[in-house]
């Protein structure tokens, strides 16, 4: 339970992010979690999207975490 989305992003970032952690985000996508993770030291990796969701790229292979709403299966 959190007080809202912003607090949940903050708590996730504090729990998961270490300096230099690479997190893949949908681009375009929701900016709030991207900003919170970047503020906490994460390296944001943009992932392209199409109508089915995030498109896997070579960049996502090197990510520690992925934050996306929908994932396009390979």
Protein backbone atom coordinates (compact mmCIF):
# COMPACT_ATOMS: atom_id res chain seq x y z
CA UNK A 1 0.00 0.00 0.00
CA UNK A 2 1.20 3.43 -0.91
CA UNK A 3 -0.27 6.89 -0.85
CA UNK A 4 -0.32 6.97 -4.65
CA UNK A 5 1.63 6.29 -7.81
CA UNK A 6 4.35 8.83 -7.08
CA UNK A 7 5.16 7.22 -3.75
CA UNK A 8 5.20 3.75 -5.31
CA UNK A 9 7.69 4.95 -7.98
CA UNK A 10 9.84 6.49 -5.28
CA UNK A 11 9.81 3.32 -3.16
CA UNK A 12 10.61 1.09 -6.14
CA UNK A 13 13.48 3.34 -7.14
CA UNK A 14 14.91 3.36 -3.61
CA UNK A 15 14.60 -0.43 -3.43
CA UNK A 16 15.93 -1.39 -6.86
CA UNK A 17 18.23 1.34 -8.13
CA UNK A 18 21.92 1.40 -7.49
CA UNK A 19 24.11 4.03 -9.16
CA UNK A 20 24.43 3.16 -12.80
CA UNK A 21 21.58 0.64 -12.92
CA UNK A 22 20.13 0.51 -16.44
CA UNK A 23 16.34 0.63 -16.66
CA UNK A 24 14.50 0.34 -19.96
CA UNK A 25 11.45 2.57 -20.39
CA UNK A 26 8.90 2.85 -23.16
CA UNK A 27 9.58 5.86 -25.37
CA UNK A 28 7.22 7.60 -25.57
CA UNK A 29 5.90 6.63 -22.19
CA UNK A 30 4.87 7.82 -18.75
CA UNK A 31 7.46 10.42 -17.64
CA UNK A 32 6.93 10.35 -13.87
CA UNK A 33 8.54 6.97 -13.10
CA UNK A 34 11.33 7.67 -15.62
CA UNK A 35 12.16 10.92 -13.82
CA UNK A 36 12.04 9.34 -10.35
CA UNK A 37 14.35 6.48 -11.37
CA UNK A 38 16.78 8.87 -13.11
CA UNK A 39 16.80 11.16 -10.04
CA UNK A 40 17.80 8.15 -7.93
CA UNK A 41 20.82 7.38 -10.13
CA UNK A 42 19.45 5.05 -12.81
CA UNK A 43 20.53 5.23 -16.41
CA UNK A 44 17.35 5.47 -18.48
CA UNK A 45 17.32 3.41 -21.69
CA UNK A 46 14.56 4.41 -24.14
CA UNK A 47 12.73 1.51 -25.79
CA UNK A 48 10.68 2.09 -28.94
CA UNK A 49 6.99 1.18 -28.89
CA UNK A 50 4.43 0.18 -31.45
CA UNK A 51 0.71 -0.50 -31.08
CA UNK A 52 1.46 -3.79 -29.27
CA UNK A 53 3.81 -2.29 -26.70
CA UNK A 54 7.56 -2.04 -26.10
CA UNK A 55 9.71 -3.45 -28.88
CA UNK A 56 12.68 -5.58 -27.74
CA UNK A 57 16.02 -4.14 -28.88
CA UNK A 58 19.66 -4.98 -28.28
CA UNK A 59 19.70 -2.19 -25.66
CA UNK A 60 17.16 -4.00 -23.46
CA UNK A 61 19.51 -7.00 -23.26
CA UNK A 62 21.87 -4.87 -21.17
CA UNK A 63 19.16 -3.50 -18.87
CA UNK A 64 18.93 -4.50 -15.24
CA UNK A 65 15.17 -3.82 -15.20
CA UNK A 66 12.40 -3.00 -17.66
CA UNK A 67 9.50 -0.70 -16.83
CA UNK A 68 6.72 -1.03 -19.34
CA UNK A 69 2.97 -1.34 -19.53
CA UNK A 70 2.89 -3.76 -22.43
CA UNK A 71 5.63 -5.98 -23.82
CA UNK A 72 5.70 -7.18 -27.43
CA UNK A 73 6.64 -10.89 -27.46
CA UNK A 74 9.54 -11.97 -29.64
